[in-house]
Amino acid sequence: MASSGSIPKWQLAILLGAPLAIGLGYLYLRNRLEDPEKKKVSELKAKTTISLDNEENNTKVSESAIDRAMKLKGAGNRAFHAGEYEKAKALYNEAIEACPPDRPIDLATFYQNRSACYEKREMWEQVKEDCTFALKLNEKYVKAFLRRSRAAEKSGDLVMALEDVTYACILESFQDQSSLMNADRILKALGRQHAREALAKRVPIMPSKHFIKTYFSAFSEDPITKIILDDKITGGFAKAKRALDTEDYESIVDACTEELNDPNGKYKNQALLLRATFYLLLGMHEEAQSDLARVIESDAPTKVKVNALIKRASLSTQLENTECCLKDFAQAAQLDPNNSDIYHHRGQVYLLLERMDEATADFAKAVELNPDFSIAYIQKCYADYRHAQINKNVGALSQVRADFERALERFPRCAEAYILYAQVLSDLQEWGRAEALFDAALAVDANNPTLYVHKSLVQLQKNTDFDKAVKLINKAIEIDDKCEFAYETLGTIEVQRGNLRRSLELFEKAISLAKTELDMIHLFSLKDATAAQLKVSERWGLDWTVS
C-alpha cells in the first residue's frame, strides 16, 4: 500500500477550515416538487380570516377550542410516555380536529406528536406525512425536521434524510452534537451510495508515471522488479517486464494476458501478479482480486505469493474489510517471516486504524529486517510521532524530531523523508521550516506534483494566501494532469473562496481519477457539500465569496 505522502482524506476540509466541514455535516439541499399538502395548507390558512363583525364572538370560540385541544394533547402525551401509542394517537387525532385554524403552531405540534406514535410503530411513510404537514404549518420546527430525517433514512430516502437533518443543524446553529453526528452518518451513507453507482459506470484511467513509480517504490522485495530477463527471452511476460522497465505502462496488461494465454508460457504466476498490480492501479478491483487469488492458491515462488498476499490485504483495507486484510498479512508472515514488506505495509494499515502500538511495532520490525529501506524508516518515524502525539509524550516527541533529522542525513535523496517531516512540522505550526523541507524535496524530486499541493497547504495554514496556494496547485496539475490530490485540494480551496461552481467541476474531475471506493465516498461528500452550499446561497441570498 504505497504512500503518496498526502494528508489524510477526511482531515483536509477541516484543515482548510472550509465552511460546514465534514465533522459538522454537509448542506445537501435540493428543490422540492410541489407537495399535494400545499393546497391543504392554503385552505387552512384561508379559514384563519375572521370577520370583523363577529371578531369578539369568534375569539371566544377559538379560545375554548384551543383549550380543549391542549387538554387532549396533554392526555396524549401522558399516554405516549406510558407506552400506550394507539391511545396517544387517538388523542392527538382529537386534538387535531379540535384545534382552531388560527393556531398553526399548535396544530403543527399535534401533527408532530402524532408522527412520534407512528415512529414507534415504524410506520415511516405516515411519519413523513405528518412531519411534512407540521413543517408546512411551522417551517422552522426542528423536531419535525429531525423526526422526518430519521423516517427518511429508515425508508431509504437518504437525500431527504440529509436535507432534513441539515435544516435542523442550521436552525440549531450547529450546536447539537446528536444532530451533527446524524448528519455525518447520513452523509457518509449517501456518499457510499453515490460512489458505488459511479464505480459501476467508471472508465478505468491509468495513473501518471510518477504515481506508478511511487507505488512500486513502496516494495523493497518486489519479485517482479527484481527479475532480470535475458534479451533473447520472448513471450508475453518478457514484453510486459520490458514495458515496466521502460515505463510503457499502457501495454502491460495485454502483454501479461498474452503470457497467460500461451500454452508454453513459463512465467504465468509472475504475469498474473503483474496484471493484478495494474488492475489495482486502474481501480479494477474485481479483476485484481481474481488474479491475486489465483497466485495465492498456486505453487508460485514464495516471494511472488507473499507479494500477492500483501496487495490483496491492502485491497481489503480499501474495501473496508479489516478482518480479511489482517488474515492475509498473517499468512504472508507465516510464509516469509523475514520479509520486511509485510510489516511495513501492515504497519500502514495499523496506522490508518489508529492501532498505534501495533503500528510502531511493525514499522520497527520492518526497519530491523531492512535498515536501508528508506521509506519504511521514514514511516517508522512518522508512526512514532503519531504515537507520541496521542500519548502526549513530550520526551518521545523530542526523540522523533531527532530521528527525522538523522533520516534526512541518512537518506538525502528520499523525497518521502522531507514530506513526512514537513507534515509533522506543519502540525506543530513551524511553517517556515516545513516550507523549506518541501523545497528540499522538490530539489530531489522536481516532478512530484503532491509536493506543490503540500506547499499550497502550508500557504493556507500560514497566512491564508489563496492566490499563492492556487498557483502552486495549478503547477502540480501542469506536471501531472491525473493528480487526484491536486484537483481535490483545489476544489476545497475554491469552496473556501466561494467559487462553488468551479469547485464542483474540480471535485468531479477528482472523482473521475479516484481509484478506490473510499476515495470516491470522500470526494462525493465534498461534491455534495459544495452543491448544497451553492443551493443555499441561491435560495437564501448568501454570499460565500472571499474578497
Protein backbone atom coordinates (compact mmCIF):
# COMPACT_ATOMS: atom_id res chain seq x y z
CA MET A 1 0.00 0.00 0.00
CA ALA A 2 2.03 2.87 -1.26
CA SER A 3 2.01 6.18 0.46
CA SER A 4 1.69 9.26 -1.65
CA GLY A 5 2.55 11.49 1.26
CA SER A 6 -0.89 13.07 1.20
CA ILE A 7 -2.73 14.45 4.19
CA PRO A 8 -5.43 12.02 5.38
CA LYS A 9 -8.52 12.48 3.23
CA TRP A 10 -11.07 13.12 5.94
CA GLN A 11 -8.94 15.81 7.58
CA LEU A 12 -8.43 18.00 4.56
CA ALA A 13 -11.63 20.05 4.73
CA ILE A 14 -11.14 20.64 8.43
CA LEU A 15 -7.54 21.63 7.87
CA LEU A 16 -8.64 24.24 5.35
CA GLY A 17 -11.41 25.47 7.58
CA ALA A 18 -13.93 25.01 4.78
CA PRO A 19 -17.50 26.14 5.53
CA LEU A 20 -19.57 23.33 7.02
CA ALA A 21 -16.69 20.85 7.05
CA ILE A 22 -17.24 17.11 7.27
CA GLY A 23 -17.37 16.91 11.03
CA LEU A 24 -20.17 19.49 11.06
CA GLY A 25 -22.24 17.81 8.37
CA TYR A 26 -22.68 18.98 4.79
CA LEU A 27 -25.52 21.00 3.42
CA TYR A 28 -27.31 18.89 0.88
CA LEU A 29 -30.37 20.95 -0.01
CA ARG A 30 -32.45 20.42 -3.11
CA ASN A 31 -35.54 21.96 -4.62
CA ARG A 32 -38.66 20.01 -3.74
CA LEU A 33 -41.55 19.26 -6.04
CA GLU A 34 -44.89 20.86 -5.30
CA ASP A 35 -46.41 18.95 -2.36
CA PRO A 36 -50.10 17.96 -2.59
CA GLU A 37 -50.41 19.16 1.03
CA LYS A 38 -49.65 22.70 -0.12
CA LYS A 39 -53.23 23.14 -1.27
CA LYS A 40 -54.47 21.81 2.07
CA VAL A 41 -52.35 24.35 3.95
CA SER A 42 -53.62 27.18 1.76
CA GLU A 43 -57.20 26.18 2.51
CA LEU A 44 -56.40 26.01 6.22
CA LYS A 45 -54.83 29.46 6.20
CA ALA A 46 -57.85 30.85 4.34
CA LYS A 47 -60.03 29.81 7.28
CA THR A 48 -57.97 31.96 9.63
CA THR A 49 -59.54 35.15 8.25
CA ILE A 50 -62.01 36.33 10.91
CA SER A 51 -64.94 38.60 10.12
CA LEU A 52 -64.61 41.98 11.84
CA ASP A 53 -68.35 41.93 12.56
CA ASN A 54 -68.04 38.77 14.63
CA GLU A 55 -64.49 39.30 15.87
CA GLU A 56 -65.26 39.15 19.62
CA ASN A 57 -67.51 36.11 19.38
CA ASN A 58 -65.08 34.17 17.17
CA THR A 59 -62.20 34.88 19.55
CA LYS A 60 -64.13 33.40 22.47
CA VAL A 61 -64.94 30.27 20.45
CA SER A 62 -61.31 29.98 19.39
CA GLU A 63 -60.05 30.21 22.95
CA SER A 64 -62.47 27.49 24.05
CA ALA A 65 -61.43 25.24 21.16
CA ILE A 66 -57.70 25.62 21.80
CA ASP A 67 -58.17 24.88 25.50
CA ARG A 68 -59.86 21.60 24.61
CA ALA A 69 -57.18 20.79 22.03
CA MET A 70 -54.39 21.44 24.55
CA LYS A 71 -56.06 19.18 27.12
CA LEU A 72 -56.29 16.43 24.53
CA LYS A 73 -52.62 16.93 23.68
CA GLY A 74 -51.68 16.68 27.36
CA ALA A 75 -53.64 13.42 27.69
CA GLY A 76 -51.97 12.15 24.54
CA ASN A 77 -48.55 12.98 25.95
CA ARG A 78 -49.30 11.03 29.14
CA ALA A 79 -50.47 8.03 27.15
CA PHE A 80 -47.39 8.21 24.93
CA HIS A 81 -44.98 8.23 27.88
CA ALA A 82 -46.89 5.26 29.32
CA GLY A 83 -46.24 3.34 26.12
CA GLU A 84 -49.89 3.43 25.03
CA TYR A 85 -49.18 4.59 21.50
CA GLU A 86 -52.54 3.76 19.90
CA LYS A 87 -54.37 5.63 22.65
CA ALA A 88 -51.97 8.56 22.30
CA LYS A 89 -52.51 8.62 18.55
CA ALA A 90 -56.30 8.71 19.03
CA LEU A 91 -55.99 11.63 21.44
CA TYR A 92 -53.72 13.54 19.06
CA ASN A 93 -56.31 12.91 16.32
CA GLU A 94 -58.93 14.57 18.50
CA ALA A 95 -56.56 17.45 19.26
CA ILE A 96 -56.03 17.99 15.54
CA GLU A 97 -59.79 18.02 14.92
CA ALA A 98 -60.41 20.37 17.86
CA CYS A 99 -57.62 22.83 17.06
CA PRO A 100 -58.89 26.11 15.59
CA PRO A 101 -57.32 27.05 12.25
CA ASP A 102 -55.83 30.27 13.59
CA ARG A 103 -53.37 28.33 15.78
CA PRO A 104 -50.95 26.86 13.15
CA ILE A 105 -48.03 26.48 15.57
CA ASP A 106 -50.11 24.43 18.00
CA LEU A 107 -51.58 22.39 15.17
CA ALA A 108 -48.04 21.66 13.93
CA THR A 109 -47.20 20.34 17.41
CA PHE A 110 -50.16 17.97 17.35
CA TYR A 111 -49.15 16.57 13.95
CA GLN A 112 -45.54 16.21 15.09
CA ASN A 113 -46.65 14.39 18.24
CA ARG A 114 -48.82 12.03 16.23
CA SER A 115 -45.84 11.31 14.00
CA ALA A 116 -43.98 10.14 17.12
CA CYS A 117 -46.64 7.46 17.61
CA TYR A 118 -46.16 6.33 14.01
CA GLU A 119 -42.41 6.28 14.56
CA LYS A 120 -42.83 3.89 17.50
CA ARG A 121 -44.75 1.59 15.14
CA GLU A 122 -42.10 2.03 12.38
CA MET A 123 -44.75 3.39 10.01
CA TRP A 124 -42.26 5.55 8.15
CA GLU A 125 -44.50 6.91 5.38
CA GLN A 126 -47.03 8.13 7.95
CA VAL A 127 -44.21 9.69 9.98
CA LYS A 128 -43.03 11.61 6.94
CA GLU A 129 -46.54 12.69 6.02
CA ASP A 130 -47.33 14.09 9.48
CA CYS A 131 -43.94 15.79 9.80
CA THR A 132 -44.36 17.32 6.36
CA PHE A 133 -47.70 18.82 7.36
CA ALA A 134 -46.20 20.07 10.65
CA LEU A 135 -43.47 21.81 8.66
CA LYS A 136 -45.99 23.42 6.33
CA LEU A 137 -47.53 24.99 9.43
CA ASN A 138 -44.21 25.77 11.18
CA GLU A 139 -41.32 25.92 8.73
CA LYS A 140 -38.69 26.15 11.48
CA TYR A 141 -39.84 23.16 13.52
CA VAL A 142 -36.60 21.40 14.48
CA LYS A 143 -38.22 18.30 15.99
CA ALA A 144 -40.25 17.73 12.84
CA PHE A 145 -37.14 18.02 10.64
CA LEU A 146 -35.26 15.53 12.82
CA ARG A 147 -38.10 13.02 13.01
CA ARG A 148 -38.74 13.17 9.26
CA SER A 149 -35.00 12.75 8.71
CA ARG A 150 -35.00 9.55 10.77
CA ALA A 151 -38.02 8.22 8.91
CA ALA A 152 -36.50 9.08 5.55
CA GLU A 153 -33.24 7.32 6.49
CA LYS A 154 -35.16 4.23 7.62
CA SER A 155 -37.15 4.15 4.39
CA GLY A 156 -34.05 4.59 2.22
CA ASP A 157 -34.52 8.21 1.14
CA LEU A 158 -31.05 9.42 2.09
CA VAL A 159 -31.40 12.69 0.18
CA MET A 160 -34.42 13.76 2.23
CA ALA A 161 -32.77 12.41 5.39
CA LEU A 162 -29.65 14.51 4.88
CA GLU A 163 -31.60 17.56 3.78
CA ASP A 164 -33.82 17.49 6.87
CA VAL A 165 -31.07 16.88 9.41
CA THR A 166 -29.11 19.70 7.79
CA TYR A 167 -32.02 22.11 8.14
CA ALA A 168 -32.16 21.11 11.80
CA CYS A 169 -28.42 21.70 12.23
CA ILE A 170 -28.75 25.17 10.70
CA LEU A 171 -31.67 26.07 12.98
CA GLU A 172 -29.65 24.79 15.96
CA SER A 173 -26.63 26.86 14.82
CA PHE A 174 -24.63 23.61 14.62
CA GLN A 175 -24.60 23.34 18.42
CA ASP A 176 -26.38 20.00 18.92
CA GLN A 177 -23.87 17.14 18.79
CA SER A 178 -26.53 14.47 18.26
CA SER A 179 -27.81 16.22 15.14
CA LEU A 180 -24.27 16.69 13.87
CA MET A 181 -23.47 13.00 14.31
CA ASN A 182 -26.67 12.06 12.48
CA ALA A 183 -25.75 14.40 9.63
CA ASP A 184 -22.29 12.91 9.36
CA ARG A 185 -23.62 9.35 9.35
CA ILE A 186 -26.22 10.08 6.66
CA LEU A 187 -23.68 11.98 4.59
CA LYS A 188 -21.29 9.02 4.56
CA ALA A 189 -24.09 6.62 3.65
CA LEU A 190 -25.14 8.86 0.76
CA GLY A 191 -21.52 9.23 -0.34
CA ARG A 192 -21.16 5.44 -0.31
CA GLN A 193 -24.31 5.10 -2.41
CA HIS A 194 -23.06 7.63 -4.95
CA ALA A 195 -19.61 6.02 -5.04
CA ARG A 196 -20.98 2.57 -5.81
CA GLU A 197 -23.16 3.96 -8.56
CA ALA A 198 -20.16 5.77 -10.05
CA LEU A 199 -17.86 2.75 -9.77
CA ALA A 200 -20.32 0.65 -11.77
CA LYS A 201 -20.00 3.11 -14.68
CA ARG A 202 -16.39 4.15 -14.15
CA VAL A 203 -13.95 4.05 -17.07
CA PRO A 204 -10.50 2.89 -15.84
CA ILE A 205 -7.78 5.52 -16.15
CA MET A 206 -4.08 4.70 -15.98
CA PRO A 207 -2.38 6.80 -13.27
CA SER A 208 0.57 9.02 -14.07
CA LYS A 209 4.03 7.57 -14.48
CA HIS A 210 5.18 9.28 -11.29
CA PHE A 211 2.34 7.73 -9.30
CA ILE A 212 3.12 4.24 -10.63
CA LYS A 213 6.83 4.57 -9.85
CA THR A 214 5.98 5.77 -6.34
CA TYR A 215 3.72 2.74 -5.88
CA PHE A 216 6.39 0.24 -6.84
CA SER A 217 8.99 2.03 -4.72
CA ALA A 218 6.99 1.08 -1.61
CA PHE A 219 8.02 -2.57 -2.05
CA SER A 220 11.64 -3.31 -1.20
CA GLU A 221 11.25 -7.01 -2.06
CA ASP A 222 9.07 -6.80 -5.15
CA PRO A 223 9.60 -10.07 -7.04
CA ILE A 224 8.71 -8.61 -10.45
CA THR A 225 11.03 -5.62 -10.49
CA LYS A 226 13.89 -7.83 -9.28
CA ILE A 227 13.55 -10.25 -12.21
CA ILE A 228 16.29 -9.85 -14.82
CA LEU A 229 15.44 -11.43 -18.16
CA ASP A 230 17.86 -12.20 -20.95
CA ASP A 231 17.26 -10.08 -24.03
CA LYS A 232 16.74 -13.26 -26.05
CA ILE A 233 13.72 -14.34 -24.00
CA THR A 234 10.45 -13.76 -25.80
CA GLY A 235 6.82 -14.15 -24.84
CA GLY A 236 4.13 -12.11 -23.18
CA PHE A 237 5.76 -11.72 -19.78
CA ALA A 238 9.05 -10.67 -21.33
CA LYS A 239 7.15 -7.92 -23.21
CA ALA A 240 5.40 -6.89 -20.01
CA LYS A 241 8.63 -6.74 -18.00
CA ARG A 242 10.38 -4.63 -20.64
CA ALA A 243 7.33 -2.34 -20.77
CA LEU A 244 7.56 -1.97 -16.99
CA ASP A 245 11.25 -1.11 -17.19
CA THR A 246 10.71 1.44 -19.97
CA GLU A 247 7.55 2.94 -18.37
CA ASP A 248 5.33 1.80 -21.25
CA TYR A 249 2.59 1.05 -18.74
CA GLU A 250 -0.38 1.05 -21.12
CA SER A 251 0.78 -2.16 -22.82
CA ILE A 252 1.44 -4.22 -19.68
CA VAL A 253 -2.00 -5.76 -19.09
CA ASP A 254 -2.29 -7.02 -22.68
CA ALA A 255 1.25 -8.43 -22.59
CA CYS A 256 0.52 -10.29 -19.34
CA THR A 257 -2.68 -11.69 -20.84
CA GLU A 258 -0.64 -12.90 -23.83
CA GLU A 259 1.63 -14.83 -21.45
CA LEU A 260 -1.35 -16.38 -19.67
CA ASN A 261 -2.90 -17.50 -22.97
CA ASP A 262 0.38 -19.06 -24.18
CA PRO A 263 0.39 -22.85 -23.52
CA ASN A 264 4.19 -22.67 -23.31
CA GLY A 265 4.34 -19.62 -21.05
CA LYS A 266 6.91 -20.06 -18.26
CA TYR A 267 6.03 -17.00 -16.19
CA LYS A 268 2.29 -17.38 -15.68
CA ASN A 269 2.27 -16.61 -11.94
CA GLN A 270 4.51 -13.59 -12.43
CA ALA A 271 2.22 -12.43 -15.26
CA LEU A 272 -0.81 -12.87 -13.02
CA LEU A 273 0.81 -10.83 -10.24
CA LEU A 274 1.90 -8.03 -12.59
CA ARG A 275 -1.51 -7.88 -14.27
CA ALA A 276 -3.23 -7.83 -10.86
CA THR A 277 -0.96 -4.97 -9.79
CA PHE A 278 -2.03 -2.88 -12.78
CA TYR A 279 -5.66 -3.80 -12.26
CA LEU A 280 -5.22 -2.35 -8.76
CA LEU A 281 -3.68 0.81 -10.17
CA LEU A 282 -6.56 1.10 -12.64
CA GLY A 283 -9.13 0.64 -9.86
CA MET A 284 -10.39 -2.65 -11.36
CA HIS A 285 -10.82 -4.36 -8.01
CA GLU A 286 -12.75 -7.49 -9.02
CA GLU A 287 -10.24 -8.33 -11.73
CA ALA A 288 -7.36 -7.70 -9.33
CA GLN A 289 -8.88 -9.93 -6.66
CA SER A 290 -9.36 -12.74 -9.15
CA ASP A 291 -5.74 -12.66 -10.35
CA LEU A 292 -4.32 -12.32 -6.83
CA ALA A 293 -6.38 -15.28 -5.63
CA ARG A 294 -5.04 -17.41 -8.47
CA VAL A 295 -1.46 -16.56 -7.48
CA ILE A 296 -2.08 -17.18 -3.78
CA GLU A 297 -3.68 -20.58 -4.46
CA SER A 298 -0.94 -21.65 -6.89
CA ASP A 299 2.51 -23.17 -6.46
CA ALA A 300 4.14 -19.80 -7.19
CA PRO A 301 7.51 -18.97 -5.60
CA THR A 302 7.19 -17.74 -2.01
CA LYS A 303 8.16 -14.13 -2.79
CA VAL A 304 5.54 -13.95 -5.56
CA LYS A 305 2.83 -15.43 -3.33
CA VAL A 306 3.72 -13.13 -0.40
CA ASN A 307 3.63 -10.03 -2.61
CA ALA A 308 0.18 -11.10 -3.82
CA LEU A 309 -0.99 -11.53 -0.21
CA ILE A 310 0.29 -8.06 0.71
CA LYS A 311 -1.52 -6.49 -2.24
CA ARG A 312 -4.75 -8.35 -1.53
CA ALA A 313 -4.53 -7.28 2.11
CA SER A 314 -4.14 -3.66 1.05
CA LEU A 315 -7.11 -4.01 -1.31
CA SER A 316 -9.19 -5.41 1.57
CA THR A 317 -8.36 -2.27 3.54
CA GLN A 318 -9.67 -0.11 0.69
CA LEU A 319 -12.83 -2.23 0.68
CA GLU A 320 -13.16 -1.79 4.46
CA ASN A 321 -12.64 -5.48 5.19
CA THR A 322 -10.12 -5.35 8.02
CA GLU A 323 -10.57 -8.98 9.02
CA CYS A 324 -9.57 -10.33 5.59
CA CYS A 325 -6.76 -7.80 5.40
CA LEU A 326 -5.10 -8.89 8.64
CA LYS A 327 -5.68 -12.56 7.81
CA ASP A 328 -3.69 -12.16 4.57
CA PHE A 329 -0.87 -10.35 6.37
CA ALA A 330 -0.72 -13.13 8.95
CA GLN A 331 -0.50 -15.76 6.18
CA ALA A 332 2.25 -13.78 4.47
CA ALA A 333 4.24 -13.54 7.72
CA GLN A 334 3.92 -17.30 8.19
CA LEU A 335 5.22 -17.97 4.68
CA ASP A 336 8.11 -15.47 4.76
CA PRO A 337 8.66 -14.15 8.32
CA ASN A 338 11.76 -12.15 7.34
CA ASN A 339 10.12 -10.18 4.52
CA SER A 340 10.18 -6.54 5.64
CA ASP A 341 7.45 -5.53 3.17
CA ILE A 342 4.87 -7.46 5.21
CA TYR A 343 5.50 -5.44 8.36
CA HIS A 344 5.91 -2.15 6.52
CA HIS A 345 2.51 -2.41 4.79
CA ARG A 346 0.73 -3.89 7.78
CA GLY A 347 2.14 -1.02 9.83
CA GLN A 348 0.44 1.40 7.44
CA VAL A 349 -2.88 -0.40 7.96
CA TYR A 350 -2.50 -0.23 11.74
CA LEU A 351 -1.67 3.46 11.39
CA LEU A 352 -4.91 4.04 9.47
CA LEU A 353 -6.81 2.08 12.11
CA GLU A 354 -5.08 4.14 14.84
CA ARG A 355 -3.80 0.95 16.47
CA MET A 356 -0.62 2.77 17.32
CA ASP A 357 1.17 0.18 19.46
CA GLU A 358 0.89 -2.41 16.69
CA ALA A 359 1.82 0.14 14.02
CA THR A 360 5.03 1.20 15.73
CA ALA A 361 5.95 -2.45 16.43
CA ASP A 362 5.50 -3.43 12.79
CA PHE A 363 7.47 -0.46 11.45
CA ALA A 364 10.25 -1.25 13.91
CA LYS A 365 10.28 -4.85 12.66
CA ALA A 366 10.40 -3.70 9.02
CA VAL A 367 13.38 -1.44 9.73
CA GLU A 368 15.13 -4.15 11.72
CA LEU A 369 14.83 -6.56 8.78
CA ASN A 370 15.81 -3.98 6.15
CA PRO A 371 17.51 -0.96 7.78
CA ASP A 372 18.47 0.52 4.40
CA PHE A 373 14.89 0.75 3.10
CA SER A 374 14.34 4.49 3.35
CA ILE A 375 10.54 4.58 3.04
CA ALA A 376 9.98 2.11 5.88
CA TYR A 377 12.48 4.00 8.02
CA ILE A 378 10.73 7.34 7.43
CA GLN A 379 7.28 5.92 8.01
CA LYS A 380 8.51 4.43 11.27
CA CYS A 381 9.50 7.95 12.33
CA TYR A 382 6.04 9.22 11.41
CA ALA A 383 4.31 6.38 13.28
CA ASP A 384 6.46 7.14 16.34
CA TYR A 385 5.38 10.77 16.07
CA ARG A 386 1.69 9.86 15.95
CA HIS A 387 2.14 7.52 18.90
CA ALA A 388 3.90 10.20 20.94
CA GLN A 389 1.32 12.80 19.95
CA ILE A 390 -1.63 10.63 21.00
CA ASN A 391 0.02 9.82 24.33
CA LYS A 392 1.20 13.43 24.82
CA ASN A 393 4.71 12.18 25.47
CA VAL A 394 6.93 15.29 25.23
CA GLY A 395 10.13 13.30 25.59
CA ALA A 396 9.15 10.95 22.78
CA LEU A 397 8.27 13.91 20.55
CA SER A 398 11.77 15.30 21.01
CA GLN A 399 13.22 11.91 20.12
CA VAL A 400 11.08 11.75 16.98
CA ARG A 401 12.43 15.09 15.79
CA ALA A 402 15.96 13.84 16.31
CA ASP A 403 15.12 10.66 14.37
CA PHE A 404 13.73 12.68 11.47
CA GLU A 405 16.89 14.81 11.35
CA ARG A 406 19.01 11.65 11.24
CA ALA A 407 16.78 10.28 8.49
CA LEU A 408 17.41 13.37 6.35
CA GLU A 409 21.15 12.89 6.79
CA ARG A 410 20.96 9.19 6.03
CA PHE A 411 18.51 9.36 3.10
CA PRO A 412 19.04 12.78 1.48
CA ARG A 413 17.60 11.56 -1.85
CA CYS A 414 14.33 10.27 -0.37
CA ALA A 415 11.51 12.76 -1.00
CA GLU A 416 9.27 10.92 1.48
CA ALA A 417 11.64 11.89 4.29
CA TYR A 418 11.16 15.58 3.62
CA ILE A 419 7.40 15.23 3.07
CA LEU A 420 6.58 13.42 6.31
CA TYR A 421 8.88 15.55 8.43
CA ALA A 422 7.38 18.68 6.89
CA GLN A 423 3.89 17.41 7.77
CA VAL A 424 4.97 16.91 11.37
CA LEU A 425 6.36 20.46 11.50
CA SER A 426 3.15 21.79 9.94
CA ASP A 427 1.22 20.11 12.75
CA LEU A 428 3.49 21.96 15.14
CA GLN A 429 2.89 25.21 13.21
CA GLU A 430 6.54 25.58 12.26
CA TRP A 431 5.62 26.84 8.83
CA GLY A 432 8.98 28.22 7.77
CA ARG A 433 10.89 25.01 8.38
CA ALA A 434 8.07 22.94 6.82
CA GLU A 435 8.14 25.03 3.64
CA ALA A 436 11.92 24.73 3.46
CA LEU A 437 11.63 20.94 3.66
CA PHE A 438 9.12 20.85 0.81
CA ASP A 439 11.53 22.97 -1.25
CA ALA A 440 14.31 20.49 -0.42
CA ALA A 441 12.06 17.63 -1.53
CA LEU A 442 11.43 19.40 -4.84
CA ALA A 443 15.18 19.61 -5.38
CA VAL A 444 15.23 15.82 -5.08
CA ASP A 445 12.00 15.05 -6.96
CA ALA A 446 11.01 18.00 -9.13
CA ASN A 447 8.29 16.04 -10.95
CA ASN A 448 6.36 15.12 -7.82
CA PRO A 449 3.05 17.01 -8.09
CA THR A 450 1.99 16.31 -4.50
CA LEU A 451 4.87 18.44 -3.24
CA TYR A 452 3.34 21.53 -4.82
CA VAL A 453 -0.01 20.64 -3.25
CA HIS A 454 1.62 20.30 0.17
CA LYS A 455 3.34 23.64 -0.28
CA SER A 456 -0.01 25.19 -1.09
CA LEU A 457 -1.46 23.86 2.17
CA VAL A 458 1.39 25.47 4.08
CA GLN A 459 0.49 28.79 2.47
CA LEU A 460 -3.10 28.41 3.58
CA GLN A 461 -2.19 27.41 7.12
CA LYS A 462 0.47 30.07 7.50
CA ASN A 463 -1.27 33.16 6.18
CA THR A 464 -4.39 32.14 4.20
CA ASP A 465 -2.72 33.09 0.93
CA PHE A 466 -5.28 31.75 -1.54
CA ASP A 467 -3.66 33.18 -4.64
CA LYS A 468 -0.27 31.61 -3.94
CA ALA A 469 -1.88 28.31 -2.96
CA VAL A 470 -3.89 28.14 -6.18
CA LYS A 471 -0.81 28.98 -8.26
CA LEU A 472 1.11 26.11 -6.63
CA ILE A 473 -1.68 23.62 -7.24
CA ASN A 474 -2.04 24.67 -10.84
CA LYS A 475 1.68 23.93 -11.16
CA ALA A 476 1.00 20.44 -9.78
CA ILE A 477 -1.71 19.89 -12.39
CA GLU A 478 0.62 21.17 -15.12
CA ILE A 479 3.14 18.49 -14.09
CA ASP A 480 0.55 15.72 -13.70
CA ASP A 481 -2.97 16.25 -15.04
CA LYS A 482 -4.01 12.98 -13.34
CA CYS A 483 -3.15 14.11 -9.82
CA GLU A 484 -6.39 13.47 -7.91
CA PHE A 485 -4.96 15.10 -4.76
CA ALA A 486 -4.42 18.37 -6.65
CA TYR A 487 -7.98 18.59 -8.00
CA GLU A 488 -9.43 17.68 -4.62
CA THR A 489 -7.40 20.28 -2.77
CA LEU A 490 -8.03 22.99 -5.36
CA GLY A 491 -11.73 22.23 -5.22
CA THR A 492 -11.73 22.63 -1.45
CA ILE A 493 -9.87 25.92 -1.74
CA GLU A 494 -12.42 27.19 -4.25
CA VAL A 495 -15.17 26.31 -1.77
CA GLN A 496 -13.35 28.40 0.80
CA ARG A 497 -13.09 31.27 -1.67
CA GLY A 498 -16.77 30.99 -2.51
CA ASN A 499 -16.25 29.85 -6.11
CA LEU A 500 -18.71 27.00 -5.75
CA ARG A 501 -19.41 26.22 -9.39
CA ARG A 502 -15.71 25.95 -10.14
CA SER A 503 -15.20 23.68 -7.14
CA LEU A 504 -17.94 21.33 -8.41
CA GLU A 505 -16.01 20.90 -11.65
CA LEU A 506 -12.81 20.16 -9.74
CA PHE A 507 -14.41 17.58 -7.46
CA GLU A 508 -15.95 15.88 -10.49
CA LYS A 509 -12.50 15.67 -12.07
CA ALA A 510 -11.05 14.19 -8.88
CA ILE A 511 -13.86 11.61 -8.78
CA SER A 512 -13.04 10.52 -12.33
CA LEU A 513 -9.45 9.85 -11.21
CA ALA A 514 -10.26 8.13 -7.89
CA LYS A 515 -9.05 4.55 -7.66
CA THR A 516 -10.84 3.25 -4.57
CA GLU A 517 -14.36 3.29 -3.20
CA LEU A 518 -13.13 5.04 -0.04
CA ASP A 519 -11.66 7.86 -2.12
CA MET A 520 -14.92 8.19 -4.03
CA ILE A 521 -17.03 8.28 -0.86
CA HIS A 522 -14.90 11.11 0.43
CA LEU A 523 -14.95 13.02 -2.86
CA PHE A 524 -18.68 12.66 -3.32
CA SER A 525 -19.11 14.06 0.18
CA LEU A 526 -17.14 17.14 -0.83
CA LYS A 527 -19.05 17.46 -4.10
CA ASP A 528 -22.44 17.06 -2.41
CA ALA A 529 -21.47 19.62 0.21
CA THR A 530 -20.48 22.10 -2.45
CA ALA A 531 -23.66 21.61 -4.45
CA ALA A 532 -25.66 22.11 -1.27
CA GLN A 533 -23.83 25.31 -0.36
CA LEU A 534 -24.49 26.60 -3.86
CA LYS A 535 -28.22 25.94 -3.48
CA VAL A 536 -28.23 27.53 -0.03
CA SER A 537 -26.52 30.64 -1.34
CA GLU A 538 -29.00 30.94 -4.20
CA ARG A 539 -32.07 30.25 -2.06
CA TRP A 540 -31.16 32.40 0.91
CA GLY A 541 -29.05 35.02 -0.83
CA LEU A 542 -25.82 34.06 0.95
CA ASP A 543 -22.51 35.27 -0.44
CA TRP A 544 -19.61 32.89 0.25
CA THR A 545 -17.08 34.78 -1.84
CA VAL A 546 -13.86 35.82 -0.13
CA SER A 547 -12.81 39.26 -1.34
